[in-house]
């Protein structure tokens, strides 16, 4: 299949969970690709899991809207900097991504103001503004030029989100890298891998191209090729945290936790206490069910870098897996309350974990009922589970009429 041998890989739920993790840190582009992979897996390999598509589609739309908002924010920054051409590209990209009608209106209004009220050029099925393809050599050449211009524009937009040192490096790698990087970000992983291999051959010396090629290979689930590439890269570039992250993801996928541990124990002292490496250390301990050691790593992280939500969630997961449910509940509650205080909607996954721990403790509070009923709206694919929990809570409270009503709703909601 394609350029590389592909293994059976993760089930759709694993890609969905990975997408959720990316959403929590506002990495909307990465989340979008994970949800797309989950949906593709259901269509091609797991048709019996078609009932998951509704929930994952909703998350896919949320990721699209999140990425569109991010592009909109960046476009407004470009307008203030009087970089109007770049702002226009970002507005167009945001409009193509936006799934919410209100957000689309906001983007169109901003585009109209930027162009002095002139309507934007129509977007063609190829994904960019321009003329339609016609027959004949001249029209073919014109379309080729438009595709090349679109690729350059999109590459420029993608670079605008990167740190300055990456912008300078990536803009110097040539046309093959541009094509590969754009293909990677559009989810065409086979084309990305082919272009990025060409870019590596064209660029001698130390570059960041192997990391992008490895990312494409991981998305293709061509793990052996990616490991060979990354191990060589780490030997030559031992202070690049992203290379360790990519290697660990492969080792975890293959359940080679000791191998990941050896890798992380040999990082240079200059990055051993960095945020990225400490998080990888803790996650590897969790993966290998070394929960006390994972807790120690995350506590070290907070002592060095302070608290943040990613590590708080990791600690909560560690506590839950090790049976310290009260400590896990307290951390989940803390994250949820912080979200509410900032007027943002808490992640349904967090709410579900918190609710399940409360339910296991025998809690029957109105707050727990409200959480389950809210989850029934936010996560309709699991509505039967939530209504069943509500029914059970009412039964414990000896409110048998409500218990029977929600038991009936649970049965009606079963797939």
Protein backbone atom coordinates (compact mmCIF):
# COMPACT_ATOMS: atom_id res chain seq x y z
CA UNK A 1 0.00 0.00 0.00
CA UNK A 2 1.72 3.18 -1.19
CA UNK A 3 5.38 3.91 -0.55
CA UNK A 4 5.82 2.10 2.75
CA UNK A 5 4.68 -1.05 4.49
CA UNK A 6 1.82 -0.15 6.84
CA UNK A 7 0.88 -2.09 9.96
CA UNK A 8 -2.65 -2.50 11.28
CA UNK A 9 -1.93 0.21 13.86
CA UNK A 10 -4.17 1.88 16.40
CA UNK A 11 -7.93 1.44 16.67
CA UNK A 12 -10.10 4.52 16.02
CA UNK A 13 -10.60 5.16 19.75
CA UNK A 14 -6.84 5.58 20.22
CA UNK A 15 -6.71 8.26 17.51
CA UNK A 16 -9.77 9.90 19.05
CA UNK A 17 -8.10 10.02 22.47
CA UNK A 18 -4.92 11.42 20.93
CA UNK A 19 -7.04 14.05 19.21
CA UNK A 20 -8.64 14.94 22.54
CA UNK A 21 -5.20 15.41 24.07
CA UNK A 22 -4.20 17.76 21.25
CA UNK A 23 -7.45 19.71 21.67
CA UNK A 24 -6.70 20.24 25.34
CA UNK A 25 -3.44 21.99 24.51
CA UNK A 26 -5.03 23.91 21.58
CA UNK A 27 -3.01 22.01 18.98
CA UNK A 28 -6.00 22.07 16.64
CA UNK A 29 -4.19 21.02 13.46
CA UNK A 30 -2.80 17.89 15.09
CA UNK A 31 -6.21 17.13 16.63
CA UNK A 32 -7.85 17.51 13.23
CA UNK A 33 -5.52 14.94 11.68
CA UNK A 34 -6.09 12.46 14.53
CA UNK A 35 -9.88 12.71 14.21
CA UNK A 36 -9.59 12.28 10.43
CA UNK A 37 -7.49 9.16 10.96
CA UNK A 38 -10.07 7.81 13.40
CA UNK A 39 -12.88 8.34 10.88
CA UNK A 40 -10.79 6.80 8.09
CA UNK A 41 -10.03 3.75 10.26
CA UNK A 42 -13.75 3.25 10.93
CA UNK A 43 -14.56 3.42 7.21
CA UNK A 44 -11.74 1.13 6.07
CA UNK A 45 -11.03 -1.30 8.91
CA UNK A 46 -13.60 -1.06 11.69
CA UNK A 47 -17.10 -0.85 10.15
CA UNK A 48 -18.54 -2.38 13.33
CA UNK A 49 -17.57 0.86 15.12
CA UNK A 50 -19.67 3.10 12.87
CA UNK A 51 -21.63 4.22 15.94
CA UNK A 52 -18.56 6.23 17.00
CA UNK A 53 -18.63 8.41 13.88
CA UNK A 54 -21.20 10.89 15.17
CA UNK A 55 -19.16 11.71 18.25
CA UNK A 56 -15.84 11.89 16.37
CA UNK A 57 -17.40 14.00 13.61
CA UNK A 58 -18.51 16.52 16.25
CA UNK A 59 -14.97 16.66 17.62
CA UNK A 60 -13.62 16.99 14.08
CA UNK A 61 -15.86 20.03 13.55
CA UNK A 62 -14.70 21.53 16.85
CA UNK A 63 -11.08 21.08 15.78
CA UNK A 64 -11.82 22.76 12.43
CA UNK A 65 -13.44 25.69 14.21
CA UNK A 66 -10.57 25.93 16.67
CA UNK A 67 -8.01 26.01 13.88
CA UNK A 68 -10.11 28.54 11.96
CA UNK A 69 -10.25 30.82 15.03
CA UNK A 70 -6.49 30.51 15.42
CA UNK A 71 -5.98 31.56 11.79
CA UNK A 72 -8.47 34.41 12.30
CA UNK A 73 -6.53 35.66 15.33
CA UNK A 74 -3.26 35.47 13.39
CA UNK A 75 -4.86 37.30 10.46
CA UNK A 76 -5.88 40.16 12.74
CA UNK A 77 -2.31 40.36 14.01
CA UNK A 78 -1.12 40.57 10.40
CA UNK A 79 -3.61 43.37 9.68
CA UNK A 80 -2.29 45.38 12.64
CA UNK A 81 1.23 44.82 11.29
CA UNK A 82 -0.05 46.01 7.85
CA UNK A 83 0.90 42.65 6.31
CA UNK A 84 -2.32 42.62 4.28
CA UNK A 85 -1.42 39.90 1.78
CA UNK A 86 -0.56 37.42 4.54
CA UNK A 87 -3.71 38.44 6.42
CA UNK A 88 -5.80 37.71 3.34
CA UNK A 89 -4.29 34.25 3.01
CA UNK A 90 -5.03 33.51 6.66
CA UNK A 91 -8.62 34.75 6.35
CA UNK A 92 -9.12 32.50 3.32
CA UNK A 93 -7.67 29.51 5.12
CA UNK A 94 -9.86 30.22 8.17
CA UNK A 95 -12.96 30.47 5.97
CA UNK A 96 -12.24 27.11 4.33
CA UNK A 97 -11.86 25.45 7.74
CA UNK A 98 -14.75 27.06 9.62
CA UNK A 99 -17.73 24.77 10.20
CA UNK A 100 -19.76 27.18 12.35
CA UNK A 101 -22.01 29.59 10.43
CA UNK A 102 -21.49 32.40 12.94
CA UNK A 103 -17.73 32.04 12.72
CA UNK A 104 -17.93 32.05 8.93
CA UNK A 105 -19.87 35.34 9.05
CA UNK A 106 -17.20 36.86 11.30
CA UNK A 107 -14.44 35.79 8.93
CA UNK A 108 -16.32 37.04 5.85
CA UNK A 109 -16.90 40.39 7.58
CA UNK A 110 -13.18 40.72 8.32
CA UNK A 111 -12.32 39.76 4.74
CA UNK A 112 -14.76 42.34 3.43
CA UNK A 113 -13.21 45.07 5.58
CA UNK A 114 -9.75 44.08 4.42
CA UNK A 115 -10.73 44.25 0.76
CA UNK A 116 -12.73 47.45 1.13
CA UNK A 117 -16.03 45.65 0.65
CA UNK A 118 -15.03 43.71 -2.47
CA UNK A 119 -16.19 40.08 -2.44
CA UNK A 120 -13.50 37.45 -2.01
CA UNK A 121 -12.51 35.32 -4.98
CA UNK A 122 -14.50 32.09 -5.12
CA UNK A 123 -12.82 28.98 -3.79
CA UNK A 124 -12.45 26.19 -6.30
CA UNK A 125 -12.76 22.49 -5.46
CA UNK A 126 -8.95 22.29 -5.36
CA UNK A 127 -9.09 24.40 -2.21
CA UNK A 128 -7.93 27.84 -3.45
CA UNK A 129 -9.15 30.90 -5.29
CA UNK A 130 -8.61 31.04 -9.03
CA UNK A 131 -9.89 30.05 -12.44
CA UNK A 132 -11.41 26.67 -13.18
CA UNK A 133 -9.44 24.13 -15.20
CA UNK A 134 -10.14 24.16 -18.90
CA UNK A 135 -8.86 22.10 -21.82
CA UNK A 136 -5.74 22.95 -23.79
CA UNK A 137 -2.06 23.46 -22.96
CA UNK A 138 -2.37 27.14 -21.97
CA UNK A 139 -5.17 26.46 -19.49
CA UNK A 140 -3.27 23.49 -18.05
CA UNK A 141 -0.17 25.63 -17.56
CA UNK A 142 -2.28 28.38 -15.97
CA UNK A 143 -3.76 25.88 -13.50
CA UNK A 144 -0.29 24.50 -12.74
CA UNK A 145 0.91 28.03 -11.95
CA UNK A 146 -2.09 28.60 -9.68
CA UNK A 147 -1.43 25.35 -7.80
CA UNK A 148 2.19 26.35 -7.30
CA UNK A 149 1.17 29.80 -6.09
CA UNK A 150 -1.38 28.27 -3.69
CA UNK A 151 1.28 25.93 -2.30
CA UNK A 152 3.66 28.85 -1.71
CA UNK A 153 0.92 30.89 -0.06
CA UNK A 154 -0.08 28.04 2.24
CA UNK A 155 3.56 27.38 3.12
CA UNK A 156 3.93 31.04 4.05
CA UNK A 157 0.86 30.82 6.26
CA UNK A 158 2.15 27.68 7.96
CA UNK A 159 5.52 29.31 8.59
CA UNK A 160 3.84 32.29 10.25
CA UNK A 161 2.82 30.05 13.17
CA UNK A 162 6.40 28.82 13.79
CA UNK A 163 9.18 30.30 15.96
CA UNK A 164 11.63 32.56 14.15
CA UNK A 165 14.47 30.02 14.11
CA UNK A 166 12.22 27.43 12.44
CA UNK A 167 10.91 29.97 9.92
CA UNK A 168 14.45 30.78 8.83
CA UNK A 169 15.43 27.12 8.55
CA UNK A 170 12.30 25.88 6.80
CA UNK A 171 12.30 28.70 4.26
CA UNK A 172 15.83 27.70 3.17
CA UNK A 173 15.22 24.02 2.35
CA UNK A 174 13.92 24.40 -1.21
CA UNK A 175 10.89 23.49 -3.31
CA UNK A 176 10.73 19.78 -2.44
CA UNK A 177 10.54 20.63 1.25
CA UNK A 178 7.81 23.20 0.61
CA UNK A 179 5.72 20.60 -1.24
CA UNK A 180 6.37 17.99 1.44
CA UNK A 181 5.59 20.26 4.38
CA UNK A 182 2.35 21.48 2.77
CA UNK A 183 1.32 17.89 1.95
CA UNK A 184 2.07 16.84 5.54
CA UNK A 185 -0.13 19.59 6.95
CA UNK A 186 -2.92 18.76 4.51
CA UNK A 187 -2.86 15.10 5.56
CA UNK A 188 -1.43 13.66 2.32
CA UNK A 189 1.21 11.62 4.12
CA UNK A 190 2.43 9.46 1.25
CA UNK A 191 3.10 12.51 -0.94
CA UNK A 192 4.68 14.26 2.05
CA UNK A 193 7.08 11.36 2.64
CA UNK A 194 8.13 11.24 -1.01
CA UNK A 195 8.78 14.99 -1.22
CA UNK A 196 10.58 15.11 2.14
CA UNK A 197 12.89 12.25 1.10
CA UNK A 198 13.82 14.32 -1.96
CA UNK A 199 14.36 17.36 0.27
CA UNK A 200 16.74 15.38 2.49
CA UNK A 201 18.80 14.40 -0.53
CA UNK A 202 18.93 18.04 -1.68
CA UNK A 203 19.97 19.41 1.73
CA UNK A 204 23.21 18.02 3.13
CA UNK A 205 24.34 18.58 6.70
CA UNK A 206 22.22 19.01 9.84
CA UNK A 207 18.63 19.97 9.05
CA UNK A 208 15.21 19.50 10.64
CA UNK A 209 13.84 17.69 7.58
CA UNK A 210 14.20 14.19 9.12
CA UNK A 211 11.77 15.18 11.89
CA UNK A 212 9.09 16.13 9.37
CA UNK A 213 9.76 12.98 7.33
CA UNK A 214 9.52 10.87 10.50
CA UNK A 215 6.20 12.56 11.32
CA UNK A 216 4.86 11.55 7.90
CA UNK A 217 6.11 7.98 8.39
CA UNK A 218 4.44 7.75 11.80
CA UNK A 219 1.14 8.90 10.32
CA UNK A 220 1.61 6.17 7.71
CA UNK A 221 2.36 3.78 10.60
CA UNK A 222 5.66 2.86 8.91
CA UNK A 223 7.32 2.58 12.30
CA UNK A 224 10.50 0.64 11.45
CA UNK A 225 11.52 3.18 8.80
CA UNK A 226 10.79 6.03 11.20
CA UNK A 227 12.84 4.45 14.02
CA UNK A 228 15.88 4.00 11.77
CA UNK A 229 15.63 7.60 10.66
CA UNK A 230 15.13 9.03 14.16
CA UNK A 231 17.81 6.96 15.90
CA UNK A 232 20.35 8.20 13.36
CA UNK A 233 19.07 11.75 13.85
CA UNK A 234 19.33 11.57 17.68
CA UNK A 235 22.91 10.31 17.45
CA UNK A 236 23.79 13.38 15.37
CA UNK A 237 21.48 15.88 17.15
CA UNK A 238 21.23 14.78 20.80
CA UNK A 239 19.71 18.03 22.10
CA UNK A 240 16.54 18.02 19.95
CA UNK A 241 13.57 17.12 22.26
CA UNK A 242 11.15 16.59 19.40
CA UNK A 243 13.20 13.66 18.10
CA UNK A 244 12.89 11.95 21.49
CA UNK A 245 9.14 12.58 21.51
CA UNK A 246 8.67 10.98 18.09
CA UNK A 247 10.79 7.97 19.02
CA UNK A 248 8.92 7.47 22.30
CA UNK A 249 5.57 7.51 20.49
CA UNK A 250 6.78 4.66 18.29
CA UNK A 251 8.24 2.68 21.19
CA UNK A 252 4.98 3.06 23.13
CA UNK A 253 2.98 1.93 20.13
CA UNK A 254 5.17 -1.19 20.01
CA UNK A 255 5.05 -1.56 23.85
CA UNK A 256 8.83 -1.23 24.04
CA UNK A 257 8.81 0.75 27.30
CA UNK A 258 12.29 -0.33 28.43
CA UNK A 259 13.67 0.84 25.11
CA UNK A 260 12.01 4.24 25.62
CA UNK A 261 13.39 4.36 29.16
CA UNK A 262 16.94 3.72 27.96
CA UNK A 263 16.56 6.43 25.35
CA UNK A 264 15.37 9.00 27.89
CA UNK A 265 17.99 8.07 30.49
CA UNK A 266 20.72 8.94 27.99
CA UNK A 267 19.59 12.45 27.05
CA UNK A 268 22.25 15.17 27.53
CA UNK A 269 22.23 16.96 30.90
CA UNK A 270 21.43 20.20 29.10
CA UNK A 271 17.86 19.02 28.34
CA UNK A 272 17.31 16.35 31.01
CA UNK A 273 15.14 18.68 33.15
CA UNK A 274 13.34 20.36 30.25
CA UNK A 275 9.54 20.34 30.12
CA UNK A 276 9.41 18.06 27.08
CA UNK A 277 11.78 15.42 28.46
CA UNK A 278 10.20 15.33 31.93
CA UNK A 279 6.74 14.83 30.42
CA UNK A 280 8.11 11.99 28.28
CA UNK A 281 9.76 10.45 31.35
CA UNK A 282 6.49 10.55 33.27
CA UNK A 283 4.40 9.20 30.43
CA UNK A 284 6.81 6.34 29.88
CA UNK A 285 6.46 5.41 33.56
CA UNK A 286 2.67 5.45 33.21
CA UNK A 287 2.82 3.33 30.07
CA UNK A 288 4.97 0.80 31.96
CA UNK A 289 2.62 0.90 35.00
CA UNK A 290 5.31 2.38 37.25
CA UNK A 291 2.89 4.79 38.91
CA UNK A 292 4.95 5.84 41.92
CA UNK A 293 7.87 6.65 39.64
CA UNK A 294 5.56 8.61 37.31
CA UNK A 295 4.22 10.63 40.23
CA UNK A 296 7.78 11.46 41.30
CA UNK A 297 8.63 12.69 37.79
CA UNK A 298 5.56 14.92 37.58
CA UNK A 299 6.27 16.33 41.04
CA UNK A 300 9.80 17.13 39.89
CA UNK A 301 8.31 18.86 36.86
CA UNK A 302 6.11 21.09 39.04
CA UNK A 303 9.01 21.86 41.36
CA UNK A 304 11.11 23.03 38.41
CA UNK A 305 8.56 24.54 36.02
CA UNK A 306 5.43 25.18 38.11
CA UNK A 307 1.96 23.77 37.56
CA UNK A 308 0.22 23.47 34.21
CA UNK A 309 -2.86 21.60 33.04
CA UNK A 310 -1.02 18.97 30.99
CA UNK A 311 0.93 17.75 34.02
CA UNK A 312 -2.09 18.07 36.32
CA UNK A 313 -4.06 15.80 33.98
CA UNK A 314 -1.14 13.37 33.85
CA UNK A 315 -0.98 13.29 37.65
CA UNK A 316 -4.72 12.69 37.87
CA UNK A 317 -4.42 9.80 35.43
CA UNK A 318 -1.51 8.42 37.46
CA UNK A 319 -3.50 8.58 40.70
CA UNK A 320 -6.53 6.94 39.10
CA UNK A 321 -4.53 4.09 37.58
CA UNK A 322 -2.76 3.45 40.89
CA UNK A 323 -6.05 3.30 42.82
CA UNK A 324 -5.74 6.70 44.56
CA UNK A 325 -9.20 7.74 43.48
CA UNK A 326 -9.71 10.56 46.00
CA UNK A 327 -6.53 12.30 44.87
CA UNK A 328 -7.55 11.81 41.22
CA UNK A 329 -11.03 13.23 41.90
CA UNK A 330 -9.55 16.30 43.55
CA UNK A 331 -7.32 17.05 40.55
CA UNK A 332 -10.09 16.46 37.99
CA UNK A 333 -12.38 18.76 40.00
CA UNK A 334 -9.66 21.41 40.13
CA UNK A 335 -9.21 21.39 36.34
CA UNK A 336 -12.97 21.48 35.72
CA UNK A 337 -13.47 24.38 38.15
CA UNK A 338 -10.66 26.36 36.54
CA UNK A 339 -12.29 25.89 33.13
CA UNK A 340 -15.64 27.11 34.48
CA UNK A 341 -14.04 30.12 36.17
CA UNK A 342 -12.48 31.08 32.82
CA UNK A 343 -15.86 30.66 31.03
CA UNK A 344 -14.56 27.79 28.89
CA UNK A 345 -16.32 24.44 28.49
CA UNK A 346 -14.51 21.62 30.31
CA UNK A 347 -13.42 18.62 28.28
CA UNK A 348 -16.19 15.96 28.42
CA UNK A 349 -13.52 13.30 28.99
CA UNK A 350 -12.46 15.00 32.23
CA UNK A 351 -16.05 15.38 33.35
CA UNK A 352 -16.72 11.72 32.64
CA UNK A 353 -13.66 10.56 34.60
CA UNK A 354 -14.62 12.75 37.55
CA UNK A 355 -18.24 11.58 37.44
CA UNK A 356 -17.27 7.90 37.24
CA UNK A 357 -15.01 8.19 40.27
CA UNK A 358 -17.79 9.91 42.22
CA UNK A 359 -20.24 7.22 41.15
CA UNK A 360 -17.85 4.45 42.22
CA UNK A 361 -17.67 6.12 45.64
CA UNK A 362 -21.47 5.84 45.95
CA UNK A 363 -22.17 9.56 45.61
CA UNK A 364 -25.80 10.51 44.84
CA UNK A 365 -25.59 14.30 44.84
CA UNK A 366 -27.55 16.66 42.60
CA UNK A 367 -24.22 17.89 41.25
CA UNK A 368 -23.37 14.39 40.02
CA UNK A 369 -26.80 14.04 38.40
CA UNK A 370 -26.29 17.38 36.64
CA UNK A 371 -22.89 16.26 35.35
CA UNK A 372 -24.27 13.04 33.88
CA UNK A 373 -27.24 14.84 32.30
CA UNK A 374 -24.86 17.43 30.82
CA UNK A 375 -22.67 14.64 29.43
CA UNK A 376 -25.75 13.06 27.83
CA UNK A 377 -26.08 16.25 25.77
CA UNK A 378 -22.37 16.74 25.04
CA UNK A 379 -21.51 13.10 24.29
CA UNK A 380 -24.66 11.59 22.76
CA UNK A 381 -22.95 8.37 21.61
CA UNK A 382 -22.56 7.38 25.27
CA UNK A 383 -25.99 8.66 26.30
CA UNK A 384 -27.20 5.18 27.28
CA UNK A 385 -24.39 4.89 29.85
CA UNK A 386 -25.12 8.31 31.32
CA UNK A 387 -28.87 7.72 31.59
CA UNK A 388 -28.18 4.35 33.20
CA UNK A 389 -26.01 6.06 35.82
CA UNK A 390 -28.74 8.64 36.46
CA UNK A 391 -31.30 5.86 36.85
CA UNK A 392 -29.06 4.05 39.32
CA UNK A 393 -28.52 7.20 41.39
CA UNK A 394 -32.27 7.85 41.61
CA UNK A 395 -32.78 4.22 42.62
CA UNK A 396 -30.28 4.63 45.47
CA UNK A 397 -32.18 7.76 46.54
CA UNK A 398 -35.39 5.67 46.49
CA UNK A 399 -36.92 7.94 43.84
CA UNK A 400 -38.20 4.98 41.89
CA UNK A 401 -40.35 6.87 39.39
CA UNK A 402 -37.36 8.88 38.12
CA UNK A 403 -35.23 5.74 38.21
CA UNK A 404 -37.65 3.94 35.91
CA UNK A 405 -37.94 6.95 33.58
CA UNK A 406 -34.19 7.20 33.03
CA UNK A 407 -33.82 3.45 32.75
CA UNK A 408 -36.30 3.58 29.87
CA UNK A 409 -34.33 6.45 28.29
CA UNK A 410 -31.12 4.43 28.66
CA UNK A 411 -32.65 1.47 26.84
CA UNK A 412 -34.01 3.74 24.09
CA UNK A 413 -30.53 5.25 23.63
CA UNK A 414 -28.71 1.94 23.18
CA UNK A 415 -27.12 1.60 19.71
